Amino acid sequence: MARLKVTQLRSGIGRKQNQRDSLRSLGLKRINDVVVKEDRPEIRGMIFAVNHLVSVEEVE
């Protein structure tokens, strides 16, 4: 299964609660944090909610 490398680029301060919750659920706490997650629909949904705050790359 493919994996996604998610990097937080912008802060969650001042954002809606669901966006802050999505960042926390992805395991992102601060700018430049990087996590690698499985490419699943629920992870894609969290990324979609905060796509303006993160960058996503596919890794092998």
Protein backbone atom coordinates (compact mmCIF):
# COMPACT_ATOMS: atom_id res chain seq x y z
CA MET A 1 0.00 0.00 0.00
CA ALA A 2 1.24 3.49 -0.80
CA ARG A 3 2.38 5.83 1.92
CA LEU A 4 2.02 9.60 2.19
CA LYS A 5 4.60 11.95 3.66
CA VAL A 6 2.75 14.89 5.22
CA THR A 7 4.64 18.05 6.22
CA GLN A 8 3.02 20.88 8.17
CA LEU A 9 3.88 24.21 6.51
CA ARG A 10 1.56 26.65 8.28
CA SER A 11 0.26 27.04 11.83
CA GLY A 12 -3.10 25.85 13.06
CA ILE A 13 -3.49 28.92 15.28
CA GLY A 14 -6.64 30.84 14.44
CA ARG A 15 -8.06 27.99 12.35
CA LYS A 16 -11.38 26.22 12.84
CA GLN A 17 -11.53 23.51 15.51
CA ASN A 18 -12.01 20.69 12.98
CA GLN A 19 -8.80 21.77 11.17
CA ARG A 20 -6.82 21.85 14.42
CA ASP A 21 -8.24 18.42 15.30
CA SER A 22 -7.22 17.05 11.90
CA LEU A 23 -3.65 18.31 12.34
CA ARG A 24 -3.46 16.69 15.78
CA SER A 25 -4.96 13.42 14.52
CA LEU A 26 -2.37 13.31 11.75
CA GLY A 27 0.33 13.67 14.42
CA LEU A 28 1.39 17.19 13.44
CA LYS A 29 2.14 19.56 16.31
CA ARG A 30 4.29 22.33 14.90
CA ILE A 31 5.53 23.83 11.65
CA ASN A 32 7.95 21.56 9.75
CA ASP A 33 6.74 18.41 11.53
CA VAL A 34 6.74 15.42 9.16
CA VAL A 35 4.72 12.22 9.45
CA VAL A 36 4.40 9.23 7.13
CA LYS A 37 0.92 7.71 6.99
CA GLU A 38 -0.73 4.89 5.04
CA ASP A 39 -2.77 6.08 2.05
CA ARG A 40 -6.29 5.36 3.34
CA PRO A 41 -9.58 7.22 2.78
CA GLU A 42 -9.78 8.50 6.37
CA ILE A 43 -6.24 9.89 6.18
CA ARG A 44 -7.03 11.49 2.80
CA GLY A 45 -10.08 13.14 4.39
CA MET A 46 -8.00 14.66 7.20
CA ILE A 47 -5.45 15.89 4.67
CA PHE A 48 -8.22 17.40 2.54
CA ALA A 49 -9.48 19.36 5.57
CA VAL A 50 -6.05 20.98 6.07
CA ASN A 51 -4.62 20.94 2.53
CA HIS A 52 -3.86 24.67 2.78
CA LEU A 53 -1.66 24.03 5.86
CA VAL A 54 0.31 20.98 4.72
CA SER A 55 2.23 19.56 1.80
CA VAL A 56 1.82 15.92 0.76
CA GLU A 57 4.22 13.63 -1.11
CA GLU A 58 3.82 9.99 -2.03
CA VAL A 59 6.70 7.78 -0.85
CA GLU A 60 7.51 4.16 -1.60
